[in-house]
């Protein structure tokens, strides 16, 4: 009886971990960042057409295109979602996502959006590139890189917009802890890979979004484009 109860508890824990991982998918983070900006910052007064256009561009290049291209990649190669957890199978999905983010950044620059909007995509792009580089030896958690990016973004935007981020930081650090625990429970990553992913996302977000890094952003954009 005791063994049966432990088995049921383990199944409940695994189901909960799967739900947490599915809800906080890294693909959705740039879109959610823009949505929050348009709802809770001075950008809420901008015209609806402008907000819909920007959200459509971000959604198309950071969620729709990566999802479709990775799905086609899986179908062409006969891979299951579990197969993409194998390190050698992860490079092409990473590359497809990076290409899509580069096109997103190019499109947003054509729209002459403020530097911090471009910085959100640049932060995600830098995070992806670093994760690909580390993937040669170490499978960093993209979920936790996204969580680190959110925390870094909150700190950076608190400097830019002049608000107190403590409440939001408490919420998202708690979410990051839940997400990291979920990835470990599902045995998708080790503790080191979870912490490493969070650190990469945090540092990239601060580098791309903090007002003190504005010169670095302009220099990077000038060299790249």
N, C-alpha and C. Protein backbone atom coordinates (compact mmCIF):
# COMPACT_ATOMS: atom_id res chain seq x y z
N UNK A 1 0.83 -1.21 0.00
CA UNK A 1 0.00 0.00 0.00
C UNK A 1 0.87 1.26 0.00
N UNK A 2 1.92 1.23 0.85
CA UNK A 2 2.84 2.35 0.94
C UNK A 2 3.55 2.57 -0.39
N UNK A 3 3.95 1.45 -1.03
CA UNK A 3 4.65 1.54 -2.32
C UNK A 3 3.73 2.10 -3.40
N UNK A 4 2.45 1.72 -3.38
CA UNK A 4 1.48 2.22 -4.35
C UNK A 4 1.29 3.73 -4.19
N UNK A 5 1.24 4.20 -2.94
CA UNK A 5 1.06 5.62 -2.69
C UNK A 5 2.27 6.42 -3.20
N UNK A 6 3.47 5.86 -2.98
CA UNK A 6 4.67 6.53 -3.47
C UNK A 6 4.67 6.60 -4.99
N UNK A 7 4.21 5.53 -5.64
CA UNK A 7 4.14 5.50 -7.10
C UNK A 7 3.18 6.56 -7.62
N UNK A 8 2.02 6.69 -6.98
CA UNK A 8 1.04 7.70 -7.38
C UNK A 8 1.58 9.10 -7.17
N UNK A 9 2.30 9.30 -6.04
CA UNK A 9 2.90 10.61 -5.77
C UNK A 9 3.94 10.96 -6.83
N UNK A 10 4.73 9.98 -7.23
CA UNK A 10 5.74 10.21 -8.26
C UNK A 10 5.10 10.57 -9.59
N UNK A 11 4.01 9.89 -9.94
CA UNK A 11 3.31 10.19 -11.19
C UNK A 11 2.72 11.59 -11.16
N UNK A 12 2.16 11.98 -10.03
CA UNK A 12 1.60 13.33 -9.89
C UNK A 12 2.70 14.38 -10.03
N UNK A 13 3.84 14.11 -9.41
CA UNK A 13 4.97 15.04 -9.48
C UNK A 13 5.46 15.19 -10.92
N UNK A 14 5.54 14.08 -11.64
CA UNK A 14 6.01 14.12 -13.03
C UNK A 14 5.00 14.86 -13.92
N UNK A 15 3.70 14.60 -13.71
CA UNK A 15 2.68 15.31 -14.49
C UNK A 15 2.75 16.80 -14.22
N UNK A 16 2.93 17.18 -12.97
CA UNK A 16 3.04 18.60 -12.62
C UNK A 16 4.27 19.23 -13.28
N UNK A 17 5.37 18.50 -13.26
CA UNK A 17 6.60 18.99 -13.89
C UNK A 17 6.41 19.19 -15.39
N UNK A 18 5.69 18.29 -16.03
CA UNK A 18 5.43 18.41 -17.47
C UNK A 18 4.58 19.64 -17.77
N UNK A 19 3.58 19.89 -16.92
CA UNK A 19 2.72 21.06 -17.12
C UNK A 19 3.52 22.34 -16.96
N UNK A 20 4.36 22.41 -15.93
CA UNK A 20 5.18 23.60 -15.70
C UNK A 20 6.11 23.85 -16.88
N UNK A 21 6.74 22.79 -17.40
CA UNK A 21 7.64 22.92 -18.56
C UNK A 21 6.89 23.37 -19.81
N UNK A 22 5.66 22.86 -19.99
CA UNK A 22 4.89 23.21 -21.17
C UNK A 22 4.39 24.65 -21.11
N UNK A 23 4.00 25.11 -19.92
CA UNK A 23 3.46 26.47 -19.78
C UNK A 23 4.56 27.51 -19.98
N UNK A 24 5.72 27.28 -19.40
CA UNK A 24 6.81 28.26 -19.46
C UNK A 24 7.82 27.87 -20.54
N UNK A 25 7.33 27.66 -21.75
CA UNK A 25 8.20 27.33 -22.87
C UNK A 25 9.04 28.54 -23.28
N UNK A 26 10.33 28.36 -23.62
CA UNK A 26 11.19 29.51 -23.95
C UNK A 26 10.75 30.26 -25.20
N UNK A 27 10.04 29.60 -26.12
CA UNK A 27 9.60 30.27 -27.35
C UNK A 27 8.67 31.46 -27.05
N UNK A 28 7.91 31.37 -25.97
CA UNK A 28 6.89 32.39 -25.72
C UNK A 28 7.42 33.63 -25.02
N UNK A 29 8.66 33.59 -24.53
CA UNK A 29 9.14 34.66 -23.66
C UNK A 29 9.27 36.01 -24.37
N UNK A 30 9.90 36.12 -25.57
CA UNK A 30 9.95 37.44 -26.22
C UNK A 30 8.57 38.04 -26.48
N UNK A 31 7.64 37.21 -26.92
CA UNK A 31 6.28 37.70 -27.18
C UNK A 31 5.64 38.21 -25.90
N UNK A 32 5.79 37.47 -24.81
CA UNK A 32 5.22 37.89 -23.54
C UNK A 32 5.87 39.18 -23.04
N UNK A 33 7.18 39.32 -23.29
CA UNK A 33 7.87 40.55 -22.88
C UNK A 33 7.28 41.76 -23.57
N UNK A 34 7.00 41.65 -24.88
CA UNK A 34 6.39 42.77 -25.61
C UNK A 34 4.96 43.01 -25.15
N UNK A 35 4.24 41.94 -24.88
CA UNK A 35 2.86 42.09 -24.42
C UNK A 35 2.82 42.83 -23.08
N UNK A 36 3.73 42.49 -22.18
CA UNK A 36 3.80 43.17 -20.87
C UNK A 36 4.16 44.64 -21.04
N UNK A 37 5.11 44.92 -21.96
CA UNK A 37 5.48 46.32 -22.23
C UNK A 37 4.28 47.13 -22.69
N UNK A 38 3.48 46.55 -23.59
CA UNK A 38 2.34 47.28 -24.14
C UNK A 38 1.19 47.41 -23.13
N UNK A 39 1.17 46.56 -22.12
CA UNK A 39 0.10 46.62 -21.14
C UNK A 39 0.45 47.45 -19.90
N UNK A 40 1.73 47.41 -19.48
CA UNK A 40 2.09 47.97 -18.17
C UNK A 40 3.12 49.09 -18.22
N UNK A 41 3.49 49.57 -19.38
CA UNK A 41 4.43 50.69 -19.47
C UNK A 41 3.75 51.85 -20.21
N UNK A 42 4.50 52.93 -20.41
CA UNK A 42 3.94 54.08 -21.13
C UNK A 42 3.57 53.72 -22.56
N UNK A 43 4.06 52.58 -23.06
CA UNK A 43 3.73 52.15 -24.43
C UNK A 43 2.27 51.76 -24.57
N UNK A 44 1.55 51.68 -23.45
CA UNK A 44 0.12 51.36 -23.52
C UNK A 44 -0.67 52.47 -24.24
N UNK A 45 -0.08 53.67 -24.35
CA UNK A 45 -0.80 54.77 -25.01
C UNK A 45 -0.54 54.80 -26.51
N UNK A 46 0.34 53.92 -27.00
CA UNK A 46 0.61 53.90 -28.44
C UNK A 46 -0.60 53.37 -29.20
N UNK A 47 -0.74 53.71 -30.49
CA UNK A 47 -1.90 53.26 -31.27
C UNK A 47 -2.02 51.73 -31.32
N UNK A 48 -3.25 51.26 -31.36
CA UNK A 48 -3.50 49.83 -31.39
C UNK A 48 -2.88 49.18 -32.62
N UNK A 49 -2.92 49.87 -33.76
CA UNK A 49 -2.35 49.31 -34.99
C UNK A 49 -0.86 49.04 -34.82
N UNK A 50 -0.16 49.97 -34.17
CA UNK A 50 1.28 49.80 -33.92
C UNK A 50 1.53 48.58 -33.04
N UNK A 51 0.75 48.46 -31.97
CA UNK A 51 0.95 47.34 -31.05
C UNK A 51 0.66 46.00 -31.73
N UNK A 52 -0.40 45.95 -32.51
CA UNK A 52 -0.74 44.71 -33.21
C UNK A 52 0.34 44.35 -34.23
N UNK A 53 0.88 45.35 -34.94
CA UNK A 53 1.93 45.10 -35.92
C UNK A 53 3.17 44.52 -35.26
N UNK A 54 3.61 45.14 -34.18
CA UNK A 54 4.82 44.68 -33.50
C UNK A 54 4.61 43.28 -32.92
N UNK A 55 3.47 43.06 -32.29
CA UNK A 55 3.19 41.74 -31.71
C UNK A 55 3.10 40.67 -32.80
N UNK A 56 2.55 41.03 -33.95
CA UNK A 56 2.46 40.07 -35.06
C UNK A 56 3.84 39.70 -35.58
N UNK A 57 4.72 40.69 -35.70
CA UNK A 57 6.10 40.43 -36.16
C UNK A 57 6.82 39.52 -35.16
N UNK A 58 6.72 39.86 -33.89
CA UNK A 58 7.40 39.08 -32.85
C UNK A 58 6.83 37.66 -32.79
N UNK A 59 5.51 37.53 -32.81
CA UNK A 59 4.90 36.21 -32.78
C UNK A 59 5.31 35.38 -33.99
N UNK A 60 5.29 36.00 -35.16
CA UNK A 60 5.60 35.27 -36.38
C UNK A 60 7.02 34.73 -36.40
N UNK A 61 7.99 35.55 -35.96
CA UNK A 61 9.40 35.16 -36.07
C UNK A 61 9.93 34.42 -34.85
N UNK A 62 9.31 34.58 -33.68
CA UNK A 62 9.86 33.92 -32.48
C UNK A 62 9.04 32.72 -32.01
N UNK A 63 7.82 32.58 -32.49
CA UNK A 63 7.00 31.43 -32.09
C UNK A 63 6.57 30.61 -33.30
N UNK A 64 5.89 31.27 -34.24
CA UNK A 64 5.31 30.54 -35.37
C UNK A 64 6.38 29.90 -36.26
N UNK A 65 7.34 30.70 -36.73
CA UNK A 65 8.35 30.18 -37.65
C UNK A 65 9.23 29.11 -37.02
N UNK A 66 9.78 29.33 -35.80
CA UNK A 66 10.57 28.25 -35.20
C UNK A 66 9.76 26.96 -34.99
N UNK A 67 8.51 27.11 -34.55
CA UNK A 67 7.68 25.92 -34.32
C UNK A 67 7.44 25.16 -35.61
N UNK A 68 7.09 25.87 -36.69
CA UNK A 68 6.82 25.21 -37.96
C UNK A 68 8.07 24.57 -38.55
N UNK A 69 9.19 25.30 -38.54
CA UNK A 69 10.41 24.77 -39.16
C UNK A 69 10.95 23.57 -38.38
N UNK A 70 10.86 23.62 -37.05
CA UNK A 70 11.32 22.48 -36.25
C UNK A 70 10.39 21.29 -36.44
N UNK A 71 9.09 21.55 -36.57
CA UNK A 71 8.14 20.46 -36.84
C UNK A 71 8.46 19.80 -38.18
N UNK A 72 8.72 20.61 -39.20
CA UNK A 72 9.06 20.05 -40.51
C UNK A 72 10.38 19.28 -40.46
N UNK A 73 11.34 19.80 -39.71
CA UNK A 73 12.63 19.12 -39.53
C UNK A 73 12.42 17.74 -38.90
N UNK A 74 11.55 17.68 -37.89
CA UNK A 74 11.27 16.40 -37.24
C UNK A 74 10.61 15.42 -38.20
N UNK A 75 9.63 15.93 -38.96
CA UNK A 75 8.90 15.04 -39.87
C UNK A 75 9.80 14.53 -40.98
N UNK A 76 10.62 15.40 -41.53
CA UNK A 76 11.51 14.99 -42.62
C UNK A 76 12.49 13.91 -42.16
N UNK A 77 12.98 14.05 -40.92
CA UNK A 77 13.98 13.11 -40.40
C UNK A 77 13.38 11.98 -39.58
N UNK A 78 12.06 12.01 -39.41
CA UNK A 78 11.41 10.94 -38.65
C UNK A 78 11.73 10.97 -37.17
N UNK A 79 12.00 12.17 -36.62
CA UNK A 79 12.34 12.30 -35.21
C UNK A 79 11.08 12.50 -34.37
N UNK A 80 11.12 12.01 -33.15
CA UNK A 80 10.09 12.31 -32.17
C UNK A 80 10.58 13.48 -31.31
N UNK A 81 9.69 14.11 -30.53
CA UNK A 81 10.16 15.18 -29.63
C UNK A 81 11.27 14.73 -28.70
N UNK A 82 11.22 13.46 -28.26
CA UNK A 82 12.27 12.94 -27.37
C UNK A 82 13.61 12.85 -28.09
N UNK A 83 13.59 12.61 -29.40
CA UNK A 83 14.84 12.52 -30.16
C UNK A 83 15.60 13.84 -30.15
N UNK A 84 14.89 14.97 -30.05
CA UNK A 84 15.54 16.27 -30.08
C UNK A 84 16.25 16.59 -28.77
N UNK A 85 16.08 15.73 -27.77
CA UNK A 85 16.84 15.92 -26.54
C UNK A 85 18.26 15.37 -26.67
N UNK A 86 18.50 14.57 -27.71
CA UNK A 86 19.85 14.06 -27.97
C UNK A 86 20.70 15.22 -28.49
N UNK A 87 21.89 15.38 -27.95
CA UNK A 87 22.70 16.56 -28.24
C UNK A 87 22.94 16.75 -29.73
N UNK A 88 23.28 15.71 -30.47
CA UNK A 88 23.62 15.88 -31.88
C UNK A 88 22.42 16.24 -32.74
N UNK A 89 21.20 16.00 -32.21
CA UNK A 89 19.99 16.35 -32.96
C UNK A 89 19.50 17.77 -32.66
N UNK A 90 20.16 18.46 -31.73
CA UNK A 90 19.67 19.76 -31.28
C UNK A 90 20.22 20.92 -32.10
N UNK A 91 21.28 20.68 -32.89
CA UNK A 91 21.92 21.78 -33.59
C UNK A 91 21.03 22.41 -34.66
N UNK A 92 20.36 21.58 -35.45
CA UNK A 92 19.51 22.13 -36.51
C UNK A 92 18.33 22.92 -35.95
N UNK A 93 17.60 22.42 -34.93
CA UNK A 93 16.55 23.26 -34.34
C UNK A 93 17.08 24.58 -33.80
N UNK A 94 18.24 24.55 -33.16
CA UNK A 94 18.86 25.79 -32.70
C UNK A 94 19.13 26.73 -33.86
N UNK A 95 19.72 26.19 -34.94
CA UNK A 95 20.07 27.01 -36.10
C UNK A 95 18.83 27.61 -36.74
N UNK A 96 17.77 26.82 -36.89
CA UNK A 96 16.53 27.32 -37.48
C UNK A 96 15.94 28.46 -36.63
N UNK A 97 16.02 28.30 -35.32
CA UNK A 97 15.50 29.34 -34.41
C UNK A 97 16.35 30.60 -34.50
N UNK A 98 17.67 30.44 -34.54
CA UNK A 98 18.57 31.59 -34.64
C UNK A 98 18.30 32.37 -35.92
N UNK A 99 18.14 31.67 -37.05
CA UNK A 99 17.86 32.34 -38.32
C UNK A 99 16.56 33.13 -38.23
N UNK A 100 15.55 32.54 -37.62
CA UNK A 100 14.27 33.23 -37.48
C UNK A 100 14.40 34.48 -36.61
N UNK A 101 15.18 34.41 -35.54
CA UNK A 101 15.38 35.56 -34.66
C UNK A 101 16.17 36.66 -35.36
N UNK A 102 17.14 36.27 -36.20
CA UNK A 102 17.90 37.27 -36.97
C UNK A 102 16.96 38.03 -37.90
N UNK A 103 16.07 37.33 -38.57
CA UNK A 103 15.11 38.00 -39.46
C UNK A 103 14.15 38.89 -38.65
N UNK A 104 13.80 38.45 -37.45
CA UNK A 104 12.96 39.28 -36.59
C UNK A 104 13.67 40.58 -36.25
N UNK A 105 14.94 40.49 -35.89
CA UNK A 105 15.71 41.69 -35.53
C UNK A 105 15.86 42.62 -36.72
N UNK A 106 16.09 42.05 -37.90
CA UNK A 106 16.20 42.86 -39.11
C UNK A 106 14.89 43.60 -39.40
N UNK A 107 13.79 42.87 -39.28
CA UNK A 107 12.48 43.48 -39.53
C UNK A 107 12.18 44.60 -38.55
N UNK A 108 12.51 44.38 -37.29
CA UNK A 108 12.24 45.39 -36.27
C UNK A 108 13.11 46.62 -36.46
N UNK A 109 14.33 46.42 -36.93
CA UNK A 109 15.18 47.58 -37.21
C UNK A 109 14.62 48.38 -38.39
N UNK A 110 14.03 47.69 -39.36
CA UNK A 110 13.40 48.38 -40.49
C UNK A 110 12.21 49.23 -40.01
N UNK A 111 11.57 48.80 -38.94
CA UNK A 111 10.43 49.54 -38.40
C UNK A 111 10.87 50.70 -37.51
N UNK A 112 12.20 50.84 -37.29
CA UNK A 112 12.75 51.92 -36.47
C UNK A 112 12.16 51.94 -35.06
N UNK A 113 12.11 50.76 -34.44
CA UNK A 113 11.59 50.66 -33.08
C UNK A 113 12.65 51.12 -32.08
N UNK A 114 12.23 51.50 -30.86
CA UNK A 114 13.19 51.92 -29.83
C UNK A 114 14.22 50.83 -29.55
N UNK A 115 15.42 51.25 -29.11
CA UNK A 115 16.54 50.32 -28.93
C UNK A 115 16.21 49.19 -27.96
N UNK A 116 15.41 49.48 -26.91
CA UNK A 116 15.14 48.45 -25.91
C UNK A 116 14.19 47.37 -26.45
N UNK A 117 13.38 47.71 -27.46
CA UNK A 117 12.57 46.67 -28.10
C UNK A 117 13.45 45.73 -28.91
N UNK A 118 14.35 46.32 -29.70
CA UNK A 118 15.32 45.49 -30.41
C UNK A 118 16.16 44.68 -29.42
N UNK A 119 16.42 45.29 -28.24
CA UNK A 119 17.24 44.62 -27.24
C UNK A 119 16.62 43.34 -26.72
N UNK A 120 15.29 43.27 -26.68
CA UNK A 120 14.64 42.03 -26.23
C UNK A 120 14.98 40.88 -27.17
N UNK A 121 14.87 41.14 -28.48
CA UNK A 121 15.19 40.10 -29.45
C UNK A 121 16.69 39.82 -29.47
N UNK A 122 17.50 40.88 -29.34
CA UNK A 122 18.95 40.69 -29.31
C UNK A 122 19.36 39.84 -28.11
N UNK A 123 18.73 40.07 -26.97
CA UNK A 123 19.01 39.27 -25.77
C UNK A 123 18.72 37.79 -26.03
N UNK A 124 17.55 37.51 -26.62
CA UNK A 124 17.19 36.12 -26.92
C UNK A 124 18.15 35.51 -27.93
N UNK A 125 18.56 36.31 -28.92
CA UNK A 125 19.47 35.82 -29.95
C UNK A 125 20.83 35.48 -29.35
N UNK A 126 21.36 36.36 -28.51
CA UNK A 126 22.65 36.09 -27.86
C UNK A 126 22.57 34.84 -26.99
N UNK A 127 21.45 34.68 -26.29
CA UNK A 127 21.26 33.50 -25.45
C UNK A 127 21.28 32.23 -26.28
N UNK A 128 20.59 32.24 -27.42
CA UNK A 128 20.57 31.07 -28.30
C UNK A 128 21.96 30.73 -28.81
N UNK A 129 22.70 31.74 -29.23
CA UNK A 129 24.05 31.50 -29.77
C UNK A 129 24.95 30.89 -28.72
N UNK A 130 24.89 31.41 -27.50
CA UNK A 130 25.72 30.87 -26.42
C UNK A 130 25.30 29.45 -26.07
N UNK A 131 23.99 29.19 -26.06
CA UNK A 131 23.52 27.83 -25.79
C UNK A 131 24.00 26.85 -26.84
N UNK A 132 24.04 27.28 -28.10
CA UNK A 132 24.55 26.42 -29.17
C UNK A 132 26.03 26.12 -28.94
N UNK A 133 26.79 27.16 -28.58
CA UNK A 133 28.22 26.97 -28.34
C UNK A 133 28.46 26.00 -27.17
N UNK A 134 27.71 26.16 -26.09
CA UNK A 134 27.86 25.28 -24.94
C UNK A 134 27.36 23.87 -25.23
N UNK A 135 26.44 23.76 -26.17
CA UNK A 135 25.86 22.45 -26.48
C UNK A 135 26.89 21.47 -27.03
N UNK A 136 28.03 21.99 -27.48
CA UNK A 136 29.11 21.11 -27.93
C UNK A 136 29.60 20.20 -26.82
N UNK A 137 29.55 20.72 -25.57
CA UNK A 137 30.04 19.94 -24.44
C UNK A 137 29.02 19.80 -23.31
N UNK A 138 28.04 20.71 -23.29
CA UNK A 138 27.16 20.80 -22.12
C UNK A 138 25.77 21.23 -22.56
N UNK A 139 24.74 20.48 -22.18
CA UNK A 139 23.38 20.76 -22.64
C UNK A 139 22.68 21.72 -21.69
N UNK A 140 22.90 23.02 -21.93
CA UNK A 140 22.26 24.02 -21.07
C UNK A 140 20.74 23.98 -21.24
N UNK A 141 20.03 24.37 -20.20
CA UNK A 141 18.56 24.39 -20.23
C UNK A 141 18.07 25.68 -20.87
N UNK A 142 17.40 25.55 -22.04
CA UNK A 142 16.84 26.74 -22.69
C UNK A 142 15.68 27.31 -21.87
N UNK A 143 14.94 26.43 -21.20
CA UNK A 143 13.85 26.91 -20.35
C UNK A 143 14.39 27.85 -19.26
N UNK A 144 15.48 27.44 -18.63
CA UNK A 144 16.05 28.26 -17.57
C UNK A 144 16.76 29.49 -18.12
N UNK A 145 17.29 29.39 -19.33
CA UNK A 145 17.87 30.58 -19.97
C UNK A 145 16.78 31.63 -20.18
N UNK A 146 15.59 31.17 -20.57
CA UNK A 146 14.47 32.09 -20.72
C UNK A 146 14.06 32.70 -19.38
N UNK A 147 14.06 31.89 -18.32
CA UNK A 147 13.71 32.40 -16.99
C UNK A 147 14.74 33.43 -16.52
N UNK A 148 16.01 33.15 -16.78
CA UNK A 148 17.05 34.11 -16.44
C UNK A 148 16.91 35.40 -17.22
N UNK A 149 16.49 35.27 -18.49
CA UNK A 149 16.26 36.45 -19.31
C UNK A 149 15.16 37.33 -18.76
N UNK A 150 14.11 36.72 -18.23
CA UNK A 150 13.01 37.49 -17.64
C UNK A 150 13.49 38.25 -16.41
N UNK A 151 14.24 37.58 -15.54
CA UNK A 151 14.74 38.23 -14.33
C UNK A 151 15.67 39.39 -14.69
N UNK A 152 16.59 39.15 -15.65
CA UNK A 152 17.47 40.22 -16.09
C UNK A 152 16.72 41.37 -16.72
N UNK A 153 15.68 41.04 -17.49
CA UNK A 153 14.86 42.07 -18.11
C UNK A 153 14.14 42.93 -17.10
N UNK A 154 13.64 42.31 -16.02
CA UNK A 154 12.97 43.07 -14.97
C UNK A 154 13.93 44.07 -14.31
N UNK A 155 15.15 43.62 -14.06
CA UNK A 155 16.15 44.51 -13.46
C UNK A 155 16.48 45.66 -14.41
N UNK A 156 16.71 45.31 -15.70
CA UNK A 156 17.08 46.33 -16.69
C UNK A 156 15.96 47.34 -16.89
N UNK A 157 14.72 46.86 -17.03
CA UNK A 157 13.60 47.76 -17.29
C UNK A 157 13.26 48.60 -16.06
N UNK A 158 13.60 48.11 -14.86
CA UNK A 158 13.37 48.92 -13.66
C UNK A 158 14.26 50.16 -13.68
N UNK A 159 15.46 50.02 -14.25
CA UNK A 159 16.34 51.18 -14.41
C UNK A 159 15.82 52.11 -15.51
N UNK A 160 15.31 51.51 -16.57
CA UNK A 160 14.87 52.30 -17.73
C UNK A 160 13.58 53.06 -17.44
N UNK A 161 12.62 52.39 -16.79
CA UNK A 161 11.30 52.99 -16.58
C UNK A 161 11.10 53.51 -15.16
N UNK A 162 12.07 53.27 -14.28
CA UNK A 162 12.01 53.82 -12.94
C UNK A 162 10.93 53.25 -12.05
N UNK A 163 10.79 51.93 -11.98
CA UNK A 163 9.82 51.31 -11.07
C UNK A 163 10.55 50.36 -10.13
N UNK A 164 9.87 49.97 -9.06
CA UNK A 164 10.43 49.05 -8.07
C UNK A 164 10.15 47.61 -8.51
N UNK A 165 11.20 46.81 -8.82
CA UNK A 165 10.96 45.48 -9.39
C UNK A 165 10.87 44.37 -8.37
N UNK A 166 10.93 44.69 -7.06
CA UNK A 166 11.07 43.65 -6.05
C UNK A 166 9.92 42.64 -6.10
N UNK A 167 8.68 43.13 -6.18
CA UNK A 167 7.53 42.22 -6.21
C UNK A 167 7.57 41.27 -7.39
N UNK A 168 7.80 41.84 -8.59
CA UNK A 168 7.88 41.01 -9.79
C UNK A 168 9.06 40.05 -9.72
N UNK A 169 10.20 40.51 -9.18
CA UNK A 169 11.36 39.64 -9.06
C UNK A 169 11.06 38.44 -8.16
N UNK A 170 10.37 38.68 -7.06
CA UNK A 170 10.02 37.57 -6.16
C UNK A 170 9.17 36.53 -6.89
N UNK A 171 8.20 37.02 -7.68
CA UNK A 171 7.32 36.10 -8.41
C UNK A 171 8.10 35.27 -9.42
N UNK A 172 8.93 35.94 -10.23
CA UNK A 172 9.59 35.22 -11.31
C UNK A 172 10.79 34.41 -10.84
N UNK A 173 11.40 34.77 -9.73
CA UNK A 173 12.44 33.91 -9.16
C UNK A 173 11.80 32.63 -8.63
N UNK A 174 10.60 32.76 -8.02
CA UNK A 174 9.86 31.57 -7.58
C UNK A 174 9.50 30.70 -8.78
N UNK A 175 9.02 31.33 -9.87
CA UNK A 175 8.69 30.57 -11.09
C UNK A 175 9.93 29.89 -11.64
N UNK A 176 11.07 30.59 -11.63
CA UNK A 176 12.32 30.00 -12.12
C UNK A 176 12.71 28.78 -11.29
N UNK A 177 12.52 28.88 -9.98
CA UNK A 177 12.81 27.72 -9.13
C UNK A 177 11.92 26.53 -9.44
N UNK A 178 10.63 26.80 -9.65
CA UNK A 178 9.70 25.73 -10.03
C UNK A 178 10.09 25.11 -11.36
N UNK A 179 10.45 25.98 -12.32
CA UNK A 179 10.79 25.49 -13.65
C UNK A 179 12.07 24.67 -13.63
N UNK A 180 13.08 25.16 -12.89
CA UNK A 180 14.33 24.41 -12.79
C UNK A 180 14.11 23.05 -12.13
N UNK A 181 13.29 23.03 -11.09
CA UNK A 181 12.98 21.76 -10.42
C UNK A 181 12.27 20.81 -11.36
N UNK A 182 11.35 21.36 -12.19
CA UNK A 182 10.61 20.53 -13.14
C UNK A 182 11.55 19.90 -14.16
N UNK A 183 12.52 20.67 -14.66
CA UNK A 183 13.45 20.13 -15.65
C UNK A 183 14.33 19.02 -15.06
N UNK A 184 14.67 19.18 -13.78
CA UNK A 184 15.47 18.14 -13.11
C UNK A 184 14.63 16.91 -12.83
N UNK A 185 13.40 17.10 -12.38
CA UNK A 185 12.50 15.98 -12.09
C UNK A 185 12.27 15.15 -13.35
N UNK A 186 12.11 15.83 -14.49
CA UNK A 186 11.88 15.12 -15.76
C UNK A 186 13.16 14.53 -16.33
N UNK A 187 14.29 14.79 -15.67
CA UNK A 187 15.60 14.28 -16.07
C UNK A 187 16.03 14.78 -17.45
N UNK A 188 15.58 15.99 -17.78
CA UNK A 188 16.02 16.60 -19.02
C UNK A 188 17.34 17.33 -18.84
N UNK A 189 17.62 17.74 -17.60
CA UNK A 189 18.85 18.48 -17.32
C UNK A 189 19.34 18.16 -15.92
N UNK A 190 20.64 18.37 -15.73
CA UNK A 190 21.22 18.27 -14.39
C UNK A 190 21.10 19.62 -13.69
N UNK A 191 21.43 19.63 -12.41
CA UNK A 191 21.38 20.88 -11.66
C UNK A 191 22.34 21.92 -12.25
N UNK A 192 23.51 21.47 -12.67
CA UNK A 192 24.49 22.38 -13.27
C UNK A 192 23.98 22.98 -14.57
N UNK A 193 23.30 22.18 -15.39
CA UNK A 193 22.76 22.67 -16.66
C UNK A 193 21.63 23.66 -16.43
N UNK A 194 20.85 23.43 -15.39
CA UNK A 194 19.76 24.35 -15.04
C UNK A 194 20.32 25.69 -14.57
N UNK A 195 21.29 25.66 -13.64
CA UNK A 195 21.88 26.90 -13.13
C UNK A 195 22.67 27.63 -14.22
N UNK A 196 23.37 26.85 -15.06
CA UNK A 196 24.12 27.46 -16.16
C UNK A 196 23.22 28.16 -17.16
N UNK A 197 22.09 27.53 -17.49
CA UNK A 197 21.14 28.16 -18.40
C UNK A 197 20.58 29.44 -17.83
N UNK A 198 20.25 29.43 -16.55
CA UNK A 198 19.71 30.63 -15.90
C UNK A 198 20.75 31.76 -15.94
N UNK A 199 22.00 31.44 -15.65
CA UNK A 199 23.06 32.45 -15.64
C UNK A 199 23.26 33.06 -17.02
N UNK A 200 23.24 32.23 -18.06
CA UNK A 200 23.42 32.73 -19.43
C UNK A 200 22.28 33.68 -19.80
N UNK A 201 21.05 33.28 -19.53
CA UNK A 201 19.91 34.14 -19.84
C UNK A 201 19.95 35.45 -19.08
N UNK A 202 20.32 35.39 -17.81
CA UNK A 202 20.39 36.59 -16.97
C UNK A 202 21.43 37.57 -17.50
N UNK A 203 22.63 37.08 -17.79
CA UNK A 203 23.72 37.95 -18.25
C UNK A 203 23.44 38.53 -19.63
N UNK A 204 22.89 37.72 -20.54
CA UNK A 204 22.57 38.22 -21.88
C UNK A 204 21.49 39.28 -21.82
N UNK A 205 20.51 39.08 -20.96
CA UNK A 205 19.43 40.06 -20.83
C UNK A 205 19.94 41.38 -20.28
N UNK A 206 20.79 41.32 -19.26
CA UNK A 206 21.36 42.55 -18.71
C UNK A 206 22.24 43.25 -19.73
N UNK A 207 23.02 42.47 -20.49
CA UNK A 207 23.93 43.07 -21.48
C UNK A 207 23.16 43.75 -22.61
N UNK A 208 22.01 43.20 -22.99
CA UNK A 208 21.27 43.73 -24.13
C UNK A 208 20.24 44.78 -23.75
N UNK A 209 19.78 44.78 -22.49
CA UNK A 209 18.64 45.63 -22.12
C UNK A 209 18.95 46.71 -21.10
N UNK A 210 20.00 46.55 -20.32
CA UNK A 210 20.28 47.56 -19.30
C UNK A 210 20.69 48.87 -19.96
N UNK A 211 20.17 50.00 -19.50
CA UNK A 211 20.51 51.30 -20.12
C UNK A 211 22.01 51.56 -20.18
N UNK A 212 22.77 51.02 -19.23
CA UNK A 212 24.21 51.20 -19.25
C UNK A 212 24.89 50.46 -20.39
N UNK A 213 24.18 49.53 -21.03
CA UNK A 213 24.75 48.75 -22.14
C UNK A 213 24.32 49.28 -23.50
N UNK A 214 23.70 50.45 -23.53
CA UNK A 214 23.15 50.97 -24.79
C UNK A 214 24.23 51.11 -25.86
N UNK A 215 25.42 51.59 -25.47
CA UNK A 215 26.51 51.75 -26.43
C UNK A 215 26.92 50.41 -27.00
N UNK A 216 26.95 49.39 -26.15
CA UNK A 216 27.29 48.04 -26.61
C UNK A 216 26.27 47.55 -27.63
N UNK A 217 25.00 47.85 -27.40
CA UNK A 217 23.93 47.43 -28.32
C UNK A 217 24.10 48.09 -29.68
N UNK A 218 24.34 49.41 -29.68
CA UNK A 218 24.54 50.13 -30.93
C UNK A 218 25.75 49.60 -31.69
N UNK A 219 26.83 49.32 -30.96
CA UNK A 219 28.04 48.80 -31.60
C UNK A 219 27.79 47.44 -32.21
N UNK A 220 27.10 46.57 -31.46
CA UNK A 220 26.79 45.22 -31.96
C UNK A 220 25.89 45.31 -33.20
N UNK A 221 24.89 46.15 -33.15
CA UNK A 221 23.97 46.29 -34.27
C UNK A 221 24.67 46.84 -35.51
N UNK A 222 25.59 47.79 -35.29
CA UNK A 222 26.32 48.38 -36.43
C UNK A 222 27.21 47.33 -37.09
N UNK A 223 27.90 46.52 -36.29
CA UNK A 223 28.78 45.49 -36.84
C UNK A 223 27.98 44.43 -37.56
N UNK A 224 26.85 44.01 -36.95
CA UNK A 224 26.07 42.90 -37.50
C UNK A 224 25.27 43.31 -38.73
N UNK A 225 24.77 44.55 -38.74
CA UNK A 225 23.86 44.94 -39.80
C UNK A 225 24.39 46.13 -40.62
